[in-house]
PDB file of N, CA and C in Angstrom:
ATOM      1  N   MET A   1      32.621 -29.442  21.337  1.00  0.00           N
ATOM      2  CA  MET A   1      31.287 -29.501  21.534  1.00  0.00           C
ATOM      3  C   MET A   1      30.482 -28.568  21.272  1.00  0.00           C
ATOM      4  N   GLU A   2      30.687 -27.657  22.028  1.00  0.00           N
ATOM      5  CA  GLU A   2      29.696 -26.051  22.133  1.00  0.00           C
ATOM      6  C   GLU A   2      30.092 -25.556  20.327  1.00  0.00           C
ATOM      7  N   ARG A   3      31.319 -25.789  19.914  1.00  0.00           N
ATOM      8  CA  ARG A   3      31.456 -25.175  18.658  1.00  0.00           C
ATOM      9  C   ARG A   3      30.930 -26.040  17.673  1.00  0.00           C
ATOM     10  N   VAL A   4      30.671 -27.361  17.561  1.00  0.00           N
ATOM     11  CA  VAL A   4      29.562 -27.705  16.812  1.00  0.00           C
ATOM     12  C   VAL A   4      28.095 -27.505  17.003  1.00  0.00           C
ATOM     13  N   ARG A   5      27.843 -27.481  17.720  1.00  0.00           N
ATOM     14  CA  ARG A   5      26.741 -26.580  18.386  1.00  0.00           C
ATOM     15  C   ARG A   5      26.171 -25.367  17.553  1.00  0.00           C
ATOM     16  N   GLU A   6      27.364 -24.569  17.877  1.00  0.00           N
ATOM     17  CA  GLU A   6      27.168 -23.160  17.014  1.00  0.00           C
ATOM     18  C   GLU A   6      27.111 -23.366  15.225  1.00  0.00           C
ATOM     19  N   MET A   7      28.012 -23.896  14.823  1.00  0.00           N
ATOM     20  CA  MET A   7      27.841 -24.694  13.567  1.00  0.00           C
ATOM     21  C   MET A   7      26.641 -24.938  12.927  1.00  0.00           C
ATOM     22  N   ASP A   8      26.201 -25.983  13.659  1.00  0.00           N
ATOM     23  CA  ASP A   8      24.827 -26.609  13.132  1.00  0.00           C
ATOM     24  C   ASP A   8      24.052 -25.327  13.251  1.00  0.00           C
ATOM     25  N   THR A   9      23.662 -25.044  14.106  1.00  0.00           N
ATOM     26  CA  THR A   9      22.801 -23.281  14.191  1.00  0.00           C
ATOM     27  C   THR A   9      23.231 -22.586  13.346  1.00  0.00           C
ATOM     28  N   ILE A  10      24.595 -21.861  12.888  1.00  0.00           N
ATOM     29  CA  ILE A  10      24.703 -21.144  11.727  1.00  0.00           C
ATOM     30  C   ILE A  10      24.445 -21.893  10.323  1.00  0.00           C
ATOM     31  N   LYS A  11      24.432 -23.495  10.072  1.00  0.00           N
ATOM     32  CA  LYS A  11      23.953 -24.117   9.304  1.00  0.00           C
ATOM     33  C   LYS A  11      22.484 -23.873   8.994  1.00  0.00           C
ATOM     34  N   ASP A  12      21.722 -24.262  10.101  1.00  0.00           N
ATOM     35  CA  ASP A  12      20.067 -24.031  10.619  1.00  0.00           C
ATOM     36  C   ASP A  12      19.710 -22.680   9.516  1.00  0.00           C
ATOM     37  N   TYR A  13      20.357 -21.604  10.167  1.00  0.00           N
ATOM     38  CA  TYR A  13      20.200 -20.643  10.047  1.00  0.00           C
ATOM     39  C   TYR A  13      20.249 -19.905   8.173  1.00  0.00           C
ATOM     40  N   ILE A  14      21.152 -20.121   7.801  1.00  0.00           N
ATOM     41  CA  ILE A  14      21.822 -20.276   6.258  1.00  0.00           C
ATOM     42  C   ILE A  14      20.379 -21.425   5.839  1.00  0.00           C
ATOM     43  N   LYS A  15      20.232 -22.457   6.274  1.00  0.00           N
ATOM     44  CA  LYS A  15      19.185 -23.151   5.339  1.00  0.00           C
ATOM     45  C   LYS A  15      17.343 -22.458   5.202  1.00  0.00           C
ATOM     46  N   GLN A  16      17.439 -22.073   6.259  1.00  0.00           N
ATOM     47  CA  GLN A  16      16.193 -20.822   6.481  1.00  0.00           C
ATOM     48  C   GLN A  16      16.180 -19.695   5.629  1.00  0.00           C
ATOM     49  N   GLY A  17      17.122 -19.139   5.373  1.00  0.00           N
ATOM     50  CA  GLY A  17      17.479 -18.002   4.562  1.00  0.00           C
ATOM     51  C   GLY A  17      17.510 -18.501   3.205  1.00  0.00           C
ATOM     52  N   VAL A  18      17.860 -19.653   3.068  1.00  0.00           N
ATOM     53  CA  VAL A  18      17.865 -19.718   1.483  1.00  0.00           C
ATOM     54  C   VAL A  18      16.555 -20.697   1.025  1.00  0.00           C
ATOM     55  N   SER A  19      15.666 -21.128   2.028  1.00  0.00           N
ATOM     56  CA  SER A  19      14.506 -21.453   1.752  1.00  0.00           C
ATOM     57  C   SER A  19      13.420 -20.216   1.885  1.00  0.00           C
ATOM     58  N   PHE A  20      13.779 -19.224   2.865  1.00  0.00           N
ATOM     59  CA  PHE A  20      12.927 -17.856   2.506  1.00  0.00           C
ATOM     60  C   PHE A  20      12.960 -17.454   1.238  1.00  0.00           C
ATOM     61  N   VAL A  21      14.455 -16.969   0.633  1.00  0.00           N
ATOM     62  CA  VAL A  21      14.608 -16.094  -0.602  1.00  0.00           C
ATOM     63  C   VAL A  21      13.695 -17.453  -1.882  1.00  0.00           C
ATOM     64  N   LYS A  22      14.314 -18.961  -1.819  1.00  0.00           N
ATOM     65  CA  LYS A  22      13.336 -19.911  -2.754  1.00  0.00           C
ATOM     66  C   LYS A  22      11.602 -19.262  -2.632  1.00  0.00           C
ATOM     67  N   GLU A  23      11.195 -19.613  -1.281  1.00  0.00           N
ATOM     68  CA  GLU A  23       9.920 -19.400  -1.549  1.00  0.00           C
ATOM     69  C   GLU A  23       9.109 -17.590  -1.792  1.00  0.00           C
ATOM     70  N   ALA A  24      10.051 -16.901  -1.121  1.00  0.00           N
ATOM     71  CA  ALA A  24       9.707 -15.635  -1.599  1.00  0.00           C
ATOM     72  C   ALA A  24       9.519 -15.353  -3.705  1.00  0.00           C
ATOM     73  N   TRP A  25      10.602 -16.020  -4.193  1.00  0.00           N
ATOM     74  CA  TRP A  25      10.890 -15.850  -5.373  1.00  0.00           C
ATOM     75  C   TRP A  25       9.818 -16.708  -6.028  1.00  0.00           C
ATOM     76  N   THR A  26       9.363 -17.746  -5.738  1.00  0.00           N
ATOM     77  CA  THR A  26       8.354 -18.631  -6.333  1.00  0.00           C
ATOM     78  C   THR A  26       6.852 -17.559  -6.027  1.00  0.00           C
ATOM     79  N   GLU A  27       6.703 -16.896  -4.774  1.00  0.00           N
ATOM     80  CA  GLU A  27       5.533 -16.009  -4.879  1.00  0.00           C
ATOM     81  C   GLU A  27       5.645 -14.897  -5.544  1.00  0.00           C
ATOM     82  N   LEU A  28       6.679 -14.476  -5.678  1.00  0.00           N
ATOM     83  CA  LEU A  28       6.568 -13.560  -6.867  1.00  0.00           C
ATOM     84  C   LEU A  28       6.136 -13.797  -8.196  1.00  0.00           C
ATOM     85  N   SER A  29       6.947 -15.061  -8.808  1.00  0.00           N
ATOM     86  CA  SER A  29       6.492 -15.366 -10.172  1.00  0.00           C
ATOM     87  C   SER A  29       4.917 -15.366 -10.279  1.00  0.00           C
ATOM     88  N   LYS A  30       4.448 -15.614  -9.141  1.00  0.00           N
ATOM     89  CA  LYS A  30       2.884 -15.690  -9.415  1.00  0.00           C
ATOM     90  C   LYS A  30       2.161 -14.438  -9.559  1.00  0.00           C
ATOM     91  N   VAL A  31       2.592 -13.213  -9.538  1.00  0.00           N
ATOM     92  CA  VAL A  31       2.525 -12.086  -8.938  1.00  0.00           C
ATOM     93  C   VAL A  31       1.923 -11.259 -10.675  1.00  0.00           C
ATOM     94  N   HIS A  32       0.144 -10.921 -10.578  1.00  0.00           N
ATOM     95  CA  HIS A  32       0.178 -10.018 -11.765  1.00  0.00           C
ATOM     96  C   HIS A  32       0.287  -8.441 -11.602  1.00  0.00           C
ATOM     97  N   TYR A  33       1.101  -8.354 -12.459  1.00  0.00           N
ATOM     98  CA  TYR A  33       1.619  -6.782 -12.800  1.00  0.00           C
ATOM     99  C   TYR A  33       0.493  -6.171 -13.920  1.00  0.00           C
ATOM    100  N   PRO A  34       0.077  -4.908 -13.267  1.00  0.00           N
ATOM    101  CA  PRO A  34      -1.147  -4.433 -14.389  1.00  0.00           C
ATOM    102  C   PRO A  34      -0.055  -4.086 -15.449  1.00  0.00           C
ATOM    103  N   SER A  35      -0.416  -3.810 -16.758  1.00  0.00           N
ATOM    104  CA  SER A  35      -0.292  -3.336 -17.590  1.00  0.00           C
ATOM    105  C   SER A  35       0.052  -1.367 -17.733  1.00  0.00           C
ATOM    106  N   PRO A  36       0.649  -0.921 -18.557  1.00  0.00           N
ATOM    107  CA  PRO A  36       0.804   0.475 -18.368  1.00  0.00           C
ATOM    108  C   PRO A  36      -0.724   1.194 -18.594  1.00  0.00           C
ATOM    109  N   LYS A  37      -1.420   0.773 -19.726  1.00  0.00           N
ATOM    110  CA  LYS A  37      -2.416   1.276 -19.732  1.00  0.00           C
ATOM    111  C   LYS A  37      -3.620   0.643 -18.514  1.00  0.00           C
ATOM    112  N   ASP A  38      -3.488  -0.031 -17.613  1.00  0.00           N
ATOM    113  CA  ASP A  38      -4.265  -0.445 -16.738  1.00  0.00           C
ATOM    114  C   ASP A  38      -4.027   0.749 -15.593  1.00  0.00           C
ATOM    115  N   THR A  39      -2.794   0.600 -15.516  1.00  0.00           N
ATOM    116  CA  THR A  39      -2.601   1.764 -14.623  1.00  0.00           C
ATOM    117  C   THR A  39      -2.778   3.008 -14.677  1.00  0.00           C
ATOM    118  N   LEU A  40      -2.856   3.651 -15.787  1.00  0.00           N
ATOM    119  CA  LEU A  40      -3.207   4.749 -16.571  1.00  0.00           C
ATOM    120  C   LEU A  40      -4.580   5.023 -16.073  1.00  0.00           C
ATOM    121  N   ARG A  41      -5.375   3.959 -16.511  1.00  0.00           N
ATOM    122  CA  ARG A  41      -6.887   4.288 -16.021  1.00  0.00           C
ATOM    123  C   ARG A  41      -7.175   4.175 -14.641  1.00  0.00           C
ATOM    124  N   ALA A  42      -6.316   3.278 -14.044  1.00  0.00           N
ATOM    125  CA  ALA A  42      -6.767   3.505 -12.423  1.00  0.00           C
ATOM    126  C   ALA A  42      -6.439   4.864 -11.685  1.00  0.00           C
ATOM    127  N   THR A  43      -4.791   5.074 -12.608  1.00  0.00           N
ATOM    128  CA  THR A  43      -4.438   6.385 -11.734  1.00  0.00           C
ATOM    129  C   THR A  43      -5.701   7.980 -12.232  1.00  0.00           C
ATOM    130  N   VAL A  44      -6.067   7.855 -13.518  1.00  0.00           N
ATOM    131  CA  VAL A  44      -7.396   8.565 -14.042  1.00  0.00           C
ATOM    132  C   VAL A  44      -8.387   8.654 -12.814  1.00  0.00           C
ATOM    133  N   VAL A  45      -8.889   7.824 -12.777  1.00  0.00           N
ATOM    134  CA  VAL A  45      -9.957   7.101 -11.665  1.00  0.00           C
ATOM    135  C   VAL A  45      -9.834   8.172 -10.405  1.00  0.00           C
ATOM    136  N   VAL A  46      -8.701   7.577 -10.001  1.00  0.00           N
ATOM    137  CA  VAL A  46      -8.014   8.210  -8.442  1.00  0.00           C
ATOM    138  C   VAL A  46      -8.152   9.770  -8.632  1.00  0.00           C
ATOM    139  N   VAL A  47      -7.832   9.907  -9.828  1.00  0.00           N
ATOM    140  CA  VAL A  47      -7.732  11.502  -9.580  1.00  0.00           C
ATOM    141  C   VAL A  47      -9.053  12.033  -9.926  1.00  0.00           C
ATOM    142  N   VAL A  48      -9.933  11.834 -10.608  1.00  0.00           N
ATOM    143  CA  VAL A  48     -11.290  11.867 -10.759  1.00  0.00           C
ATOM    144  C   VAL A  48     -12.035  12.014  -9.430  1.00  0.00           C
ATOM    145  N   VAL A  49     -11.840  11.019  -8.940  1.00  0.00           N
ATOM    146  CA  VAL A  49     -12.585  10.512  -8.045  1.00  0.00           C
ATOM    147  C   VAL A  49     -12.019  11.578  -6.617  1.00  0.00           C
ATOM    148  N   THR A  50     -10.966  12.145  -6.651  1.00  0.00           N
ATOM    149  CA  THR A  50     -10.370  12.960  -5.545  1.00  0.00           C
ATOM    150  C   THR A  50     -10.706  14.555  -5.744  1.00  0.00           C
ATOM    151  N   LEU A  51     -11.169  14.772  -6.784  1.00  0.00           N
ATOM    152  CA  LEU A  51     -11.254  15.943  -7.538  1.00  0.00           C
ATOM    153  C   LEU A  51     -12.764  16.090  -7.297  1.00  0.00           C
ATOM    154  N   VAL A  52     -13.654  15.382  -7.784  1.00  0.00           N
ATOM    155  CA  VAL A  52     -15.205  15.269  -6.944  1.00  0.00           C
ATOM    156  C   VAL A  52     -15.425  15.283  -5.592  1.00  0.00           C
ATOM    157  N   MET A  53     -14.546  14.519  -5.219  1.00  0.00           N
ATOM    158  CA  MET A  53     -14.780  14.272  -3.381  1.00  0.00           C
ATOM    159  C   MET A  53     -14.603  16.178  -2.592  1.00  0.00           C
ATOM    160  N   ALA A  54     -13.177  16.681  -3.384  1.00  0.00           N
ATOM    161  CA  ALA A  54     -12.923  17.852  -2.901  1.00  0.00           C
ATOM    162  C   ALA A  54     -13.738  18.738  -2.990  1.00  0.00           C
ATOM    163  N   ALA A  55     -14.350  19.096  -4.472  1.00  0.00           N
ATOM    164  CA  ALA A  55     -15.375  20.187  -4.890  1.00  0.00           C
ATOM    165  C   ALA A  55     -16.336  19.905  -3.799  1.00  0.00           C
ATOM    166  N   TRP A  56     -17.485  18.517  -3.834  1.00  0.00           N
ATOM    167  CA  TRP A  56     -18.431  18.204  -3.099  1.00  0.00           C
ATOM    168  C   TRP A  56     -18.058  18.505  -1.936  1.00  0.00           C
ATOM    169  N   LEU A  57     -16.895  18.419  -0.767  1.00  0.00           N
ATOM    170  CA  LEU A  57     -16.833  19.206   0.569  1.00  0.00           C
ATOM    171  C   LEU A  57     -16.294  20.239   0.542  1.00  0.00           C
ATOM    172  N   GLY A  58     -16.062  21.275  -0.646  1.00  0.00           N
ATOM    173  CA  GLY A  58     -15.715  22.349  -0.841  1.00  0.00           C
ATOM    174  C   GLY A  58     -17.225  23.212  -0.982  1.00  0.00           C
ATOM    175  N   VAL A  59     -17.706  22.795  -1.387  1.00  0.00           N
ATOM    176  CA  VAL A  59     -19.566  23.475  -1.488  1.00  0.00           C
ATOM    177  C   VAL A  59     -19.972  23.410   0.073  1.00  0.00           C
ATOM    178  N   ILE A  60     -19.893  21.794   0.705  1.00  0.00           N
ATOM    179  CA  ILE A  60     -20.681  21.518   1.854  1.00  0.00           C
ATOM    180  C   ILE A  60     -19.843  22.479   2.610  1.00  0.00           C
ATOM    181  N   ASP A  61     -18.903  22.699   2.824  1.00  0.00           N
ATOM    182  CA  ASP A  61     -18.293  23.341   3.870  1.00  0.00           C
ATOM    183  C   ASP A  61     -18.370  25.056   3.319  1.00  0.00           C
ATOM    184  N   PHE A  62     -18.675  25.392   2.198  1.00  0.00           N
ATOM    185  CA  PHE A  62     -19.018  26.978   2.187  1.00  0.00           C
ATOM    186  C   PHE A  62     -20.584  27.060   2.462  1.00  0.00           C
ATOM    187  N   PHE A  63     -21.168  26.176   2.507  1.00  0.00           N
ATOM    188  CA  PHE A  63     -22.834  26.174   3.107  1.00  0.00           C
ATOM    189  C   PHE A  63     -22.607  26.083   4.448  1.00  0.00           C
ATOM    190  N   ALA A  64     -21.895  25.307   5.085  1.00  0.00           N
ATOM    191  CA  ALA A  64     -22.033  25.454   6.271  1.00  0.00           C
ATOM    192  C   ALA A  64     -21.162  26.190   7.341  1.00  0.00           C
ATOM    193  N   THR A  65     -20.282  26.978   6.435  1.00  0.00           N
ATOM    194  CA  THR A  65     -19.496  28.124   7.502  1.00  0.00           C
ATOM    195  C   THR A  65     -20.928  29.425   7.141  1.00  0.00           C
ATOM    196  N   ARG A  66     -21.657  29.462   5.743  1.00  0.00           N
ATOM    197  CA  ARG A  66     -22.547  30.376   6.015  1.00  0.00           C
ATOM    198  C   ARG A  66     -23.803  30.276   6.780  1.00  0.00           C
ATOM    199  N   VAL A  67     -24.142  28.984   6.993  1.00  0.00           N
ATOM    200  CA  VAL A  67     -25.158  29.119   8.456  1.00  0.00           C
ATOM    201  C   VAL A  67     -24.687  29.314   9.458  1.00  0.00           C
ATOM    202  N   VAL A  68     -23.533  28.618  10.075  1.00  0.00           N
ATOM    203  CA  VAL A  68     -22.467  28.883  11.328  1.00  0.00           C
ATOM    204  C   VAL A  68     -22.606  30.443  11.472  1.00  0.00           C
ATOM    205  N   ARG A  69     -22.190  31.040  10.365  1.00  0.00           N
ATOM    206  CA  ARG A  69     -22.105  32.541  10.727  1.00  0.00           C
ATOM    207  C   ARG A  69     -23.249  33.185  10.851  1.00  0.00           C
ATOM    208  N   GLN A  70     -24.319  33.026  10.133  1.00  0.00           N
ATOM    209  CA  GLN A  70     -25.948  33.448  10.427  1.00  0.00           C
ATOM    210  C   GLN A  70     -26.320  33.333  11.496  1.00  0.00           C
ATOM    211  N   LEU A  71     -25.724  32.017  12.179  1.00  0.00           N
ATOM    212  CA  LEU A  71     -26.470  31.378  13.727  1.00  0.00           C
ATOM    213  C   LEU A  71     -25.507  32.617  14.541  1.00  0.00           C
ATOM    214  N   LEU A  72     -24.603  32.596  14.698  1.00  0.00           N
ATOM    215  CA  LEU A  72     -23.560  33.342  15.454  1.00  0.00           C
ATOM    216  C   LEU A  72     -23.384  35.045  15.168  1.00  0.00           C
ATOM    217  N   GLY A  73     -24.023  35.372  13.850  1.00  0.00           N
ATOM    218  CA  GLY A  73     -23.638  36.626  13.395  1.00  0.00           C
ATOM    219  C   GLY A  73     -23.942  38.003  14.141  1.00  0.00           C
TER     220      GLY A  73
END
């Protein structure tokens, strides 16, 4: 009797696994992947914004350092 319960449990796990894979495959088929052109555009935007922010923070840091040196100086 114990063996029958174990087999039922194993079968349930297999059914759950198969169901999960089917659902995951269905969801993956709904995914919209960007075109290479869109990916390049997004990458350029990220790089440009990063460079602008780095420059801005560098300028602020430069002046803040000068102010602190003058105060402590």
